Amino acid sequence: EIFKFREYSSRALEAQAQVPVEVWSQIFIGIAIAEGLRSQMIYKPDSVPGSHGFDPLGFKSKFGGNTAEGYKTLQLKEIKNGRLAMMAVAGMFTQQLLTGKGPLEQLF
């Protein structure tokens, strides 16, 4: 065996505490660099909120975002998807806090 990884908990809240400081530092620096580059693209005098010109796969035109009405519909769907994802993660954390088991542990 070439690599041997430390055993991490399958419980999300415990696993976060087990991550070494060096890894958290790399994550923080990576996010800082990405946000710095993103802010250079977004914060321009002529920029419009939500329209940054980044659509390499052409989703805007494929899903009806070419019109103002279609674009508003896509924005609403994205917001609802994000809210649902946040509720799902909050539910998994609550489940772990109440039962003491992670989501995968409760399946088996």
PDB file of N, CA and C in Angstrom:
ATOM      1  N   GLU A   1       0.844  -1.179   0.000  1.00  0.00           N
ATOM      2  CA  GLU A   1       0.000   0.000   0.000  1.00  0.00           C
ATOM      3  C   GLU A   1       0.889   1.241   0.000  1.00  0.00           C
ATOM      4  N   ILE A   2       0.700   2.085  -0.988  1.00  0.00           N
ATOM      5  CA  ILE A   2       1.541   3.270  -1.124  1.00  0.00           C
ATOM      6  C   ILE A   2       1.090   4.373  -0.175  1.00  0.00           C
ATOM      7  N   PHE A   3      -0.193   4.665  -0.175  1.00  0.00           N
ATOM      8  CA  PHE A   3      -0.723   5.728   0.670  1.00  0.00           C
ATOM      9  C   PHE A   3      -1.562   5.128   1.786  1.00  0.00           C
ATOM     10  N   LYS A   4      -1.430   5.682   2.945  1.00  0.00           N
ATOM     11  CA  LYS A   4      -2.283   5.267   4.048  1.00  0.00           C
ATOM     12  C   LYS A   4      -2.923   6.528   4.602  1.00  0.00           C
ATOM     13  N   PHE A   5      -4.234   6.594   4.492  1.00  0.00           N
ATOM     14  CA  PHE A   5      -4.956   7.758   4.970  1.00  0.00           C
ATOM     15  C   PHE A   5      -5.429   7.528   6.389  1.00  0.00           C
ATOM     16  N   ARG A   6      -5.468   8.595   7.131  1.00  0.00           N
ATOM     17  CA  ARG A   6      -5.985   8.540   8.484  1.00  0.00           C
ATOM     18  C   ARG A   6      -7.457   8.179   8.450  1.00  0.00           C
ATOM     19  N   GLU A   7      -7.920   7.520   9.453  1.00  0.00           N
ATOM     20  CA  GLU A   7      -9.337   7.187   9.522  1.00  0.00           C
ATOM     21  C   GLU A   7     -10.131   8.428   9.925  1.00  0.00           C
ATOM     22  N   TYR A   8     -11.060   8.800   9.092  1.00  0.00           N
ATOM     23  CA  TYR A   8     -11.926   9.932   9.384  1.00  0.00           C
ATOM     24  C   TYR A   8     -13.315   9.420   9.703  1.00  0.00           C
ATOM     25  N   SER A   9     -14.014  10.164  10.497  1.00  0.00           N
ATOM     26  CA  SER A   9     -15.378   9.811  10.866  1.00  0.00           C
ATOM     27  C   SER A   9     -16.303   9.997   9.673  1.00  0.00           C
ATOM     28  N   SER A  10     -17.350   9.200   9.598  1.00  0.00           N
ATOM     29  CA  SER A  10     -18.354   9.381   8.558  1.00  0.00           C
ATOM     30  C   SER A  10     -19.388  10.416   8.987  1.00  0.00           C
ATOM     31  N   ARG A  11     -19.284  10.899  10.201  1.00  0.00           N
ATOM     32  CA  ARG A  11     -20.191  11.932  10.709  1.00  0.00           C
ATOM     33  C   ARG A  11     -19.626  13.299  10.349  1.00  0.00           C
ATOM     34  N   ALA A  12     -20.434  14.094   9.688  1.00  0.00           N
ATOM     35  CA  ALA A  12     -19.956  15.362   9.128  1.00  0.00           C
ATOM     36  C   ALA A  12     -19.380  16.294  10.183  1.00  0.00           C
ATOM     37  N   LEU A  13     -20.046  16.438  11.304  1.00  0.00           N
ATOM     38  CA  LEU A  13     -19.572  17.376  12.317  1.00  0.00           C
ATOM     39  C   LEU A  13     -18.263  16.915  12.945  1.00  0.00           C
ATOM     40  N   GLU A  14     -18.106  15.612  13.137  1.00  0.00           N
ATOM     41  CA  GLU A  14     -16.855  15.089  13.687  1.00  0.00           C
ATOM     42  C   GLU A  14     -15.735  15.147  12.652  1.00  0.00           C
ATOM     43  N   ALA A  15     -16.064  14.879  11.403  1.00  0.00           N
ATOM     44  CA  ALA A  15     -15.052  14.871  10.342  1.00  0.00           C
ATOM     45  C   ALA A  15     -14.441  16.260  10.154  1.00  0.00           C
ATOM     46  N   GLN A  16     -15.228  17.309  10.322  1.00  0.00           N
ATOM     47  CA  GLN A  16     -14.696  18.664  10.190  1.00  0.00           C
ATOM     48  C   GLN A  16     -13.627  18.944  11.231  1.00  0.00           C
ATOM     49  N   ALA A  17     -13.828  18.440  12.439  1.00  0.00           N
ATOM     50  CA  ALA A  17     -12.862  18.656  13.506  1.00  0.00           C
ATOM     51  C   ALA A  17     -11.595  17.839  13.298  1.00  0.00           C
ATOM     52  N   GLN A  18     -11.657  16.786  12.488  1.00  0.00           N
ATOM     53  CA  GLN A  18     -10.505  15.921  12.253  1.00  0.00           C
ATOM     54  C   GLN A  18      -9.610  16.412  11.117  1.00  0.00           C
ATOM     55  N   VAL A  19     -10.083  17.374  10.351  1.00  0.00           N
ATOM     56  CA  VAL A  19      -9.297  17.877   9.227  1.00  0.00           C
ATOM     57  C   VAL A  19      -8.129  18.702   9.774  1.00  0.00           C
ATOM     58  N   PRO A  20      -6.901  18.417   9.315  1.00  0.00           N
ATOM     59  CA  PRO A  20      -5.731  19.160   9.808  1.00  0.00           C
ATOM     60  C   PRO A  20      -5.783  20.643   9.442  1.00  0.00           C
ATOM     61  N   VAL A  21      -5.095  21.447  10.229  1.00  0.00           N
ATOM     62  CA  VAL A  21      -5.061  22.900  10.017  1.00  0.00           C
ATOM     63  C   VAL A  21      -4.472  23.230   8.647  1.00  0.00           C
ATOM     64  N   GLU A  22      -3.495  22.445   8.189  1.00  0.00           N
ATOM     65  CA  GLU A  22      -2.883  22.698   6.889  1.00  0.00           C
ATOM     66  C   GLU A  22      -3.908  22.589   5.757  1.00  0.00           C
ATOM     67  N   VAL A  23      -4.818  21.659   5.875  1.00  0.00           N
ATOM     68  CA  VAL A  23      -5.854  21.493   4.848  1.00  0.00           C
ATOM     69  C   VAL A  23      -6.809  22.672   4.869  1.00  0.00           C
ATOM     70  N   TRP A  24      -7.229  23.092   6.069  1.00  0.00           N
ATOM     71  CA  TRP A  24      -8.104  24.262   6.168  1.00  0.00           C
ATOM     72  C   TRP A  24      -7.412  25.492   5.587  1.00  0.00           C
ATOM     73  N   SER A  25      -6.090  25.618   5.800  1.00  0.00           N
ATOM     74  CA  SER A  25      -5.345  26.754   5.249  1.00  0.00           C
ATOM     75  C   SER A  25      -5.364  26.723   3.725  1.00  0.00           C
ATOM     76  N   GLN A  26      -5.164  25.537   3.144  1.00  0.00           N
ATOM     77  CA  GLN A  26      -5.199  25.421   1.684  1.00  0.00           C
ATOM     78  C   GLN A  26      -6.579  25.747   1.133  1.00  0.00           C
ATOM     79  N   ILE A  27      -7.609  25.292   1.808  1.00  0.00           N
ATOM     80  CA  ILE A  27      -8.976  25.598   1.376  1.00  0.00           C
ATOM     81  C   ILE A  27      -9.214  27.106   1.424  1.00  0.00           C
ATOM     82  N   PHE A  28      -8.818  27.729   2.524  1.00  0.00           N
ATOM     83  CA  PHE A  28      -9.020  29.176   2.678  1.00  0.00           C
ATOM     84  C   PHE A  28      -8.271  29.949   1.594  1.00  0.00           C
ATOM     85  N   ILE A  29      -7.018  29.601   1.353  1.00  0.00           N
ATOM     86  CA  ILE A  29      -6.229  30.311   0.338  1.00  0.00           C
ATOM     87  C   ILE A  29      -6.820  30.086  -1.053  1.00  0.00           C
ATOM     88  N   GLY A  30      -7.241  28.863  -1.351  1.00  0.00           N
ATOM     89  CA  GLY A  30      -7.857  28.585  -2.654  1.00  0.00           C
ATOM     90  C   GLY A  30      -9.128  29.382  -2.882  1.00  0.00           C
ATOM     91  N   ILE A  31      -9.965  29.454  -1.858  1.00  0.00           N
ATOM     92  CA  ILE A  31     -11.205  30.235  -1.978  1.00  0.00           C
ATOM     93  C   ILE A  31     -10.889  31.711  -2.116  1.00  0.00           C
ATOM     94  N   ALA A  32      -9.900  32.206  -1.366  1.00  0.00           N
ATOM     95  CA  ALA A  32      -9.525  33.622  -1.456  1.00  0.00           C
ATOM     96  C   ALA A  32      -9.052  33.972  -2.865  1.00  0.00           C
ATOM     97  N   ILE A  33      -8.250  33.102  -3.466  1.00  0.00           N
ATOM     98  CA  ILE A  33      -7.775  33.353  -4.833  1.00  0.00           C
ATOM     99  C   ILE A  33      -8.941  33.334  -5.820  1.00  0.00           C
ATOM    100  N   ALA A  34      -9.821  32.336  -5.700  1.00  0.00           N
ATOM    101  CA  ALA A  34     -10.973  32.247  -6.605  1.00  0.00           C
ATOM    102  C   ALA A  34     -11.882  33.459  -6.471  1.00  0.00           C
ATOM    103  N   GLU A  35     -12.128  33.903  -5.239  1.00  0.00           N
ATOM    104  CA  GLU A  35     -12.987  35.069  -5.036  1.00  0.00           C
ATOM    105  C   GLU A  35     -12.322  36.344  -5.546  1.00  0.00           C
ATOM    106  N   GLY A  36     -11.007  36.436  -5.392  1.00  0.00           N
ATOM    107  CA  GLY A  36     -10.295  37.598  -5.925  1.00  0.00           C
ATOM    108  C   GLY A  36     -10.400  37.675  -7.437  1.00  0.00           C
ATOM    109  N   LEU A  37     -10.226  36.543  -8.113  1.00  0.00           N
ATOM    110  CA  LEU A  37     -10.358  36.521  -9.572  1.00  0.00           C
ATOM    111  C   LEU A  37     -11.796  36.807 -10.003  1.00  0.00           C
ATOM    112  N   ARG A  38     -12.748  36.245  -9.258  1.00  0.00           N
ATOM    113  CA  ARG A  38     -14.161  36.470  -9.584  1.00  0.00           C
ATOM    114  C   ARG A  38     -14.528  37.947  -9.422  1.00  0.00           C
ATOM    115  N   SER A  39     -14.024  38.574  -8.385  1.00  0.00           N
ATOM    116  CA  SER A  39     -14.369  39.977  -8.161  1.00  0.00           C
ATOM    117  C   SER A  39     -13.822  40.872  -9.271  1.00  0.00           C
ATOM    118  N   GLN A  40     -12.691  40.492  -9.861  1.00  0.00           N
ATOM    119  CA  GLN A  40     -12.162  41.271 -10.987  1.00  0.00           C
ATOM    120  C   GLN A  40     -13.082  41.174 -12.197  1.00  0.00           C
ATOM    121  N   MET A  41     -13.747  40.023 -12.380  1.00  0.00           N
ATOM    122  CA  MET A  41     -14.678  39.862 -13.498  1.00  0.00           C
ATOM    123  C   MET A  41     -15.984  40.612 -13.238  1.00  0.00           C
ATOM    124  N   ILE A  42     -16.440  40.600 -11.999  1.00  0.00           N
ATOM    125  CA  ILE A  42     -17.782  41.077 -11.694  1.00  0.00           C
ATOM    126  C   ILE A  42     -17.846  42.572 -11.434  1.00  0.00           C
ATOM    127  N   TYR A  43     -16.946  43.086 -10.627  1.00  0.00           N
ATOM    128  CA  TYR A  43     -17.059  44.471 -10.187  1.00  0.00           C
ATOM    129  C   TYR A  43     -16.414  45.420 -11.178  1.00  0.00           C
ATOM    130  N   LYS A  44     -17.139  45.658 -12.246  1.00  0.00           N
ATOM    131  CA  LYS A  44     -16.734  46.622 -13.267  1.00  0.00           C
ATOM    132  C   LYS A  44     -17.821  47.678 -13.356  1.00  0.00           C
ATOM    133  N   PRO A  45     -17.483  48.868 -13.807  1.00  0.00           N
ATOM    134  CA  PRO A  45     -18.504  49.933 -13.872  1.00  0.00           C
ATOM    135  C   PRO A  45     -19.712  49.579 -14.737  1.00  0.00           C
ATOM    136  N   ASP A  46     -19.520  48.810 -15.797  1.00  0.00           N
ATOM    137  CA  ASP A  46     -20.615  48.516 -16.719  1.00  0.00           C
ATOM    138  C   ASP A  46     -21.258  47.151 -16.459  1.00  0.00           C
ATOM    139  N   SER A  47     -20.925  46.488 -15.347  1.00  0.00           N
ATOM    140  CA  SER A  47     -21.464  45.147 -15.103  1.00  0.00           C
ATOM    141  C   SER A  47     -22.908  45.211 -14.603  1.00  0.00           C
ATOM    142  N   VAL A  48     -23.654  44.167 -14.970  1.00  0.00           N
ATOM    143  CA  VAL A  48     -25.051  44.030 -14.556  1.00  0.00           C
ATOM    144  C   VAL A  48     -25.118  42.858 -13.582  1.00  0.00           C
ATOM    145  N   PRO A  49     -25.755  43.009 -12.417  1.00  0.00           N
ATOM    146  CA  PRO A  49     -25.813  41.897 -11.463  1.00  0.00           C
ATOM    147  C   PRO A  49     -26.410  40.635 -12.082  1.00  0.00           C
ATOM    148  N   GLY A  50     -25.715  39.515 -11.899  1.00  0.00           N
ATOM    149  CA  GLY A  50     -26.187  38.234 -12.398  1.00  0.00           C
ATOM    150  C   GLY A  50     -25.828  37.941 -13.837  1.00  0.00           C
ATOM    151  N   SER A  51     -25.245  38.884 -14.535  1.00  0.00           N
ATOM    152  CA  SER A  51     -24.881  38.668 -15.932  1.00  0.00           C
ATOM    153  C   SER A  51     -23.388  38.892 -16.087  1.00  0.00           C
ATOM    154  N   HIS A  52     -22.620  37.809 -15.977  1.00  0.00           N
ATOM    155  CA  HIS A  52     -21.168  37.928 -16.008  1.00  0.00           C
ATOM    156  C   HIS A  52     -20.566  37.355 -17.282  1.00  0.00           C
ATOM    157  N   GLY A  53     -21.406  36.854 -18.170  1.00  0.00           N
ATOM    158  CA  GLY A  53     -20.922  36.357 -19.444  1.00  0.00           C
ATOM    159  C   GLY A  53     -20.275  34.985 -19.379  1.00  0.00           C
ATOM    160  N   PHE A  54     -20.398  34.281 -18.276  1.00  0.00           N
ATOM    161  CA  PHE A  54     -19.792  32.960 -18.145  1.00  0.00           C
ATOM    162  C   PHE A  54     -20.864  31.895 -18.311  1.00  0.00           C
ATOM    163  N   ASP A  55     -20.918  31.305 -19.494  1.00  0.00           N
ATOM    164  CA  ASP A  55     -21.861  30.232 -19.786  1.00  0.00           C
ATOM    165  C   ASP A  55     -21.246  29.329 -20.856  1.00  0.00           C
ATOM    166  N   PRO A  56     -20.158  28.597 -20.488  1.00  0.00           N
ATOM    167  CA  PRO A  56     -19.439  27.830 -21.504  1.00  0.00           C
ATOM    168  C   PRO A  56     -20.242  26.688 -22.123  1.00  0.00           C
ATOM    169  N   LEU A  57     -21.245  26.174 -21.412  1.00  0.00           N
ATOM    170  CA  LEU A  57     -22.039  25.068 -21.945  1.00  0.00           C
ATOM    171  C   LEU A  57     -23.338  25.531 -22.599  1.00  0.00           C
ATOM    172  N   GLY A  58     -23.590  26.820 -22.602  1.00  0.00           N
ATOM    173  CA  GLY A  58     -24.769  27.361 -23.276  1.00  0.00           C
ATOM    174  C   GLY A  58     -26.084  27.046 -22.600  1.00  0.00           C
ATOM    175  N   PHE A  59     -26.080  26.921 -21.276  1.00  0.00           N
ATOM    176  CA  PHE A  59     -27.311  26.583 -20.557  1.00  0.00           C
ATOM    177  C   PHE A  59     -28.375  27.668 -20.675  1.00  0.00           C
ATOM    178  N   LYS A  60     -27.944  28.915 -20.737  1.00  0.00           N
ATOM    179  CA  LYS A  60     -28.917  30.010 -20.796  1.00  0.00           C
ATOM    180  C   LYS A  60     -29.807  29.881 -22.026  1.00  0.00           C
ATOM    181  N   SER A  61     -29.212  29.607 -23.166  1.00  0.00           N
ATOM    182  CA  SER A  61     -30.012  29.489 -24.386  1.00  0.00           C
ATOM    183  C   SER A  61     -30.748  28.145 -24.451  1.00  0.00           C
ATOM    184  N   LYS A  62     -30.161  27.078 -23.899  1.00  0.00           N
ATOM    185  CA  LYS A  62     -30.799  25.759 -23.950  1.00  0.00           C
ATOM    186  C   LYS A  62     -32.058  25.687 -23.099  1.00  0.00           C
ATOM    187  N   PHE A  63     -32.076  26.430 -22.002  1.00  0.00           N
ATOM    188  CA  PHE A  63     -33.205  26.328 -21.073  1.00  0.00           C
ATOM    189  C   PHE A  63     -34.090  27.566 -21.069  1.00  0.00           C
ATOM    190  N   GLY A  64     -34.062  28.332 -22.131  1.00  0.00           N
ATOM    191  CA  GLY A  64     -35.006  29.429 -22.295  1.00  0.00           C
ATOM    192  C   GLY A  64     -34.636  30.724 -21.607  1.00  0.00           C
ATOM    193  N   GLY A  65     -33.368  30.944 -21.337  1.00  0.00           N
ATOM    194  CA  GLY A  65     -32.955  32.168 -20.660  1.00  0.00           C
ATOM    195  C   GLY A  65     -32.660  33.329 -21.581  1.00  0.00           C
ATOM    196  N   ASN A  66     -33.019  33.214 -22.858  1.00  0.00           N
ATOM    197  CA  ASN A  66     -32.744  34.295 -23.806  1.00  0.00           C
ATOM    198  C   ASN A  66     -33.684  35.473 -23.642  1.00  0.00           C
ATOM    199  N   THR A  67     -34.888  35.222 -23.157  1.00  0.00           N
ATOM    200  CA  THR A  67     -35.846  36.303 -22.945  1.00  0.00           C
ATOM    201  C   THR A  67     -35.780  36.752 -21.489  1.00  0.00           C
ATOM    202  N   ALA A  68     -36.310  37.931 -21.220  1.00  0.00           N
ATOM    203  CA  ALA A  68     -36.308  38.455 -19.854  1.00  0.00           C
ATOM    204  C   ALA A  68     -37.143  37.560 -18.935  1.00  0.00           C
ATOM    205  N   GLU A  69     -38.288  37.111 -19.432  1.00  0.00           N
ATOM    206  CA  GLU A  69     -39.157  36.230 -18.632  1.00  0.00           C
ATOM    207  C   GLU A  69     -38.478  34.885 -18.356  1.00  0.00           C
ATOM    208  N   GLY A  70     -37.852  34.313 -19.377  1.00  0.00           N
ATOM    209  CA  GLY A  70     -37.152  33.040 -19.215  1.00  0.00           C
ATOM    210  C   GLY A  70     -35.968  33.150 -18.276  1.00  0.00           C
ATOM    211  N   TYR A  71     -35.262  34.285 -18.338  1.00  0.00           N
ATOM    212  CA  TYR A  71     -34.110  34.496 -17.470  1.00  0.00           C
ATOM    213  C   TYR A  71     -34.545  34.604 -16.011  1.00  0.00           C
ATOM    214  N   LYS A  72     -35.647  35.312 -15.770  1.00  0.00           N
ATOM    215  CA  LYS A  72     -36.172  35.416 -14.408  1.00  0.00           C
ATOM    216  C   LYS A  72     -36.609  34.046 -13.877  1.00  0.00           C
ATOM    217  N   THR A  73     -37.172  33.221 -14.749  1.00  0.00           N
ATOM    218  CA  THR A  73     -37.575  31.864 -14.348  1.00  0.00           C
ATOM    219  C   THR A  73     -36.355  31.036 -13.967  1.00  0.00           C
ATOM    220  N   LEU A  74     -35.287  31.130 -14.758  1.00  0.00           N
ATOM    221  CA  LEU A  74     -34.064  30.390 -14.447  1.00  0.00           C
ATOM    222  C   LEU A  74     -33.451  30.865 -13.125  1.00  0.00           C
ATOM    223  N   GLN A  75     -33.475  32.173 -12.889  1.00  0.00           N
ATOM    224  CA  GLN A  75     -32.949  32.696 -11.630  1.00  0.00           C
ATOM    225  C   GLN A  75     -33.754  32.169 -10.444  1.00  0.00           C
ATOM    226  N   LEU A  76     -35.062  32.152 -10.577  1.00  0.00           N
ATOM    227  CA  LEU A  76     -35.920  31.653  -9.498  1.00  0.00           C
ATOM    228  C   LEU A  76     -35.658  30.173  -9.234  1.00  0.00           C
ATOM    229  N   LYS A  77     -35.499  29.388 -10.298  1.00  0.00           N
ATOM    230  CA  LYS A  77     -35.197  27.961 -10.132  1.00  0.00           C
ATOM    231  C   LYS A  77     -33.865  27.772  -9.414  1.00  0.00           C
ATOM    232  N   GLU A  78     -32.887  28.577  -9.732  1.00  0.00           N
ATOM    233  CA  GLU A  78     -31.572  28.473  -9.095  1.00  0.00           C
ATOM    234  C   GLU A  78     -31.651  28.823  -7.612  1.00  0.00           C
ATOM    235  N   ILE A  79     -32.391  29.851  -7.280  1.00  0.00           N
ATOM    236  CA  ILE A  79     -32.555  30.227  -5.876  1.00  0.00           C
ATOM    237  C   ILE A  79     -33.269  29.122  -5.101  1.00  0.00           C
ATOM    238  N   LYS A  80     -34.328  28.571  -5.690  1.00  0.00           N
ATOM    239  CA  LYS A  80     -35.062  27.491  -5.014  1.00  0.00           C
ATOM    240  C   LYS A  80     -34.184  26.260  -4.837  1.00  0.00           C
ATOM    241  N   ASN A  81     -33.358  25.940  -5.828  1.00  0.00           N
ATOM    242  CA  ASN A  81     -32.451  24.806  -5.727  1.00  0.00           C
ATOM    243  C   ASN A  81     -31.438  25.023  -4.601  1.00  0.00           C
ATOM    244  N   GLY A  82     -30.898  26.213  -4.498  1.00  0.00           N
ATOM    245  CA  GLY A  82     -29.942  26.521  -3.432  1.00  0.00           C
ATOM    246  C   GLY A  82     -30.579  26.431  -2.054  1.00  0.00           C
ATOM    247  N   ARG A  83     -31.795  26.927  -1.930  1.00  0.00           N
ATOM    248  CA  ARG A  83     -32.489  26.858  -0.641  1.00  0.00           C
ATOM    249  C   ARG A  83     -32.784  25.416  -0.242  1.00  0.00           C
ATOM    250  N   LEU A  84     -33.193  24.610  -1.208  1.00  0.00           N
ATOM    251  CA  LEU A  84     -33.460  23.199  -0.931  1.00  0.00           C
ATOM    252  C   LEU A  84     -32.188  22.477  -0.490  1.00  0.00           C
ATOM    253  N   ALA A  85     -31.061  22.786  -1.139  1.00  0.00           N
ATOM    254  CA  ALA A  85     -29.788  22.167  -0.768  1.00  0.00           C
ATOM    255  C   ALA A  85     -29.386  22.564   0.654  1.00  0.00           C
ATOM    256  N   MET A  86     -29.590  23.827   1.016  1.00  0.00           N
ATOM    257  CA  MET A  86     -29.264  24.267   2.379  1.00  0.00           C
ATOM    258  C   MET A  86     -30.131  23.566   3.408  1.00  0.00           C
ATOM    259  N   MET A  87     -31.408  23.381   3.100  1.00  0.00           N
ATOM    260  CA  MET A  87     -32.298  22.676   4.024  1.00  0.00           C
ATOM    261  C   MET A  87     -31.889  21.213   4.160  1.00  0.00           C
ATOM    262  N   ALA A  88     -31.445  20.591   3.072  1.00  0.00           N
ATOM    263  CA  ALA A  88     -31.017  19.195   3.117  1.00  0.00           C
ATOM    264  C   ALA A  88     -29.787  19.031   4.006  1.00  0.00           C
ATOM    265  N   VAL A  89     -28.822  19.922   3.871  1.00  0.00           N
ATOM    266  CA  VAL A  89     -27.620  19.844   4.698  1.00  0.00           C
ATOM    267  C   VAL A  89     -27.968  20.108   6.160  1.00  0.00           C
ATOM    268  N   ALA A  90     -28.818  21.089   6.412  1.00  0.00           N
ATOM    269  CA  ALA A  90     -29.242  21.357   7.792  1.00  0.00           C
ATOM    270  C   ALA A  90     -29.960  20.146   8.378  1.00  0.00           C
ATOM    271  N   GLY A  91     -30.755  19.454   7.568  1.00  0.00           N
ATOM    272  CA  GLY A  91     -31.440  18.247   8.017  1.00  0.00           C
ATOM    273  C   GLY A  91     -30.473  17.140   8.360  1.00  0.00           C
ATOM    274  N   MET A  92     -29.415  16.987   7.560  1.00  0.00           N
ATOM    275  CA  MET A  92     -28.422  15.944   7.851  1.00  0.00           C
ATOM    276  C   MET A  92     -27.670  16.253   9.144  1.00  0.00           C
ATOM    277  N   PHE A  93     -27.319  17.515   9.357  1.00  0.00           N
ATOM    278  CA  PHE A  93     -26.637  17.895  10.603  1.00  0.00           C
ATOM    279  C   PHE A  93     -27.553  17.675  11.800  1.00  0.00           C
ATOM    280  N   THR A  94     -28.816  18.067  11.672  1.00  0.00           N
ATOM    281  CA  THR A  94     -29.772  17.885  12.769  1.00  0.00           C
ATOM    282  C   THR A  94     -29.962  16.407  13.064  1.00  0.00           C
ATOM    283  N   GLN A  95     -30.068  15.598  12.031  1.00  0.00           N
ATOM    284  CA  GLN A  95     -30.218  14.151  12.192  1.00  0.00           C
ATOM    285  C   GLN A  95     -29.029  13.582  12.970  1.00  0.00           C
ATOM    286  N   GLN A  96     -27.842  14.028  12.636  1.00  0.00           N
ATOM    287  CA  GLN A  96     -26.656  13.535  13.323  1.00  0.00           C
ATOM    288  C   GLN A  96     -26.635  13.979  14.775  1.00  0.00           C
ATOM    289  N   LEU A  97     -27.010  15.236  15.030  1.00  0.00           N
ATOM    290  CA  LEU A  97     -27.018  15.728  16.411  1.00  0.00           C
ATOM    291  C   LEU A  97     -28.040  14.994  17.270  1.00  0.00           C
ATOM    292  N   LEU A  98     -29.190  14.668  16.692  1.00  0.00           N
ATOM    293  CA  LEU A  98     -30.252  14.012  17.471  1.00  0.00           C
ATOM    294  C   LEU A  98     -30.000  12.524  17.688  1.00  0.00           C
ATOM    295  N   THR A  99     -29.460  11.843  16.683  1.00  0.00           N
ATOM    296  CA  THR A  99     -29.305  10.390  16.776  1.00  0.00           C
ATOM    297  C   THR A  99     -27.885   9.952  17.121  1.00  0.00           C
ATOM    298  N   GLY A 100     -26.910  10.817  16.877  1.00  0.00           N
ATOM    299  CA  GLY A 100     -25.513  10.430  17.111  1.00  0.00           C
ATOM    300  C   GLY A 100     -24.920   9.603  15.992  1.00  0.00           C
ATOM    301  N   LYS A 101     -25.674   9.430  14.910  1.00  0.00           N
ATOM    302  CA  LYS A 101     -25.184   8.670  13.750  1.00  0.00           C
ATOM    303  C   LYS A 101     -25.242   9.564  12.514  1.00  0.00           C
ATOM    304  N   GLY A 102     -24.279   9.326  11.619  1.00  0.00           N
ATOM    305  CA  GLY A 102     -24.267  10.054  10.360  1.00  0.00           C
ATOM    306  C   GLY A 102     -25.332   9.522   9.412  1.00  0.00           C
ATOM    307  N   PRO A 103     -25.621  10.233   8.322  1.00  0.00           N
ATOM    308  CA  PRO A 103     -26.645   9.798   7.378  1.00  0.00           C
ATOM    309  C   PRO A 103     -26.378   8.419   6.781  1.00  0.00           C
ATOM    310  N   LEU A 104     -25.124   8.127   6.458  1.00  0.00           N
ATOM    311  CA  LEU A 104     -24.809   6.811   5.872  1.00  0.00           C
ATOM    312  C   LEU A 104     -24.923   5.704   6.898  1.00  0.00           C
ATOM    313  N   GLU A 105     -24.565   5.985   8.138  1.00  0.00           N
ATOM    314  CA  GLU A 105     -24.668   4.978   9.185  1.00  0.00           C
ATOM    315  C   GLU A 105     -26.119   4.583   9.440  1.00  0.00           C
ATOM    316  N   GLN A 106     -27.038   5.486   9.239  1.00  0.00           N
ATOM    317  CA  GLN A 106     -28.441   5.188   9.492  1.00  0.00           C
ATOM    318  C   GLN A 106     -29.071   4.373   8.365  1.00  0.00           C
ATOM    319  N   LEU A 107     -28.425   4.331   7.210  1.00  0.00           N
ATOM    320  CA  LEU A 107     -28.975   3.552   6.105  1.00  0.00           C
ATOM    321  C   LEU A 107     -28.753   2.056   6.299  1.00  0.00           C
ATOM    322  N   PHE A 108     -27.693   1.709   6.982  1.00  0.00           N
ATOM    323  CA  PHE A 108     -27.340   0.280   7.089  1.00  0.00           C
ATOM    324  C   PHE A 108     -27.426  -0.207   8.510  1.00  0.00           C
TER     325      PHE A 108
END
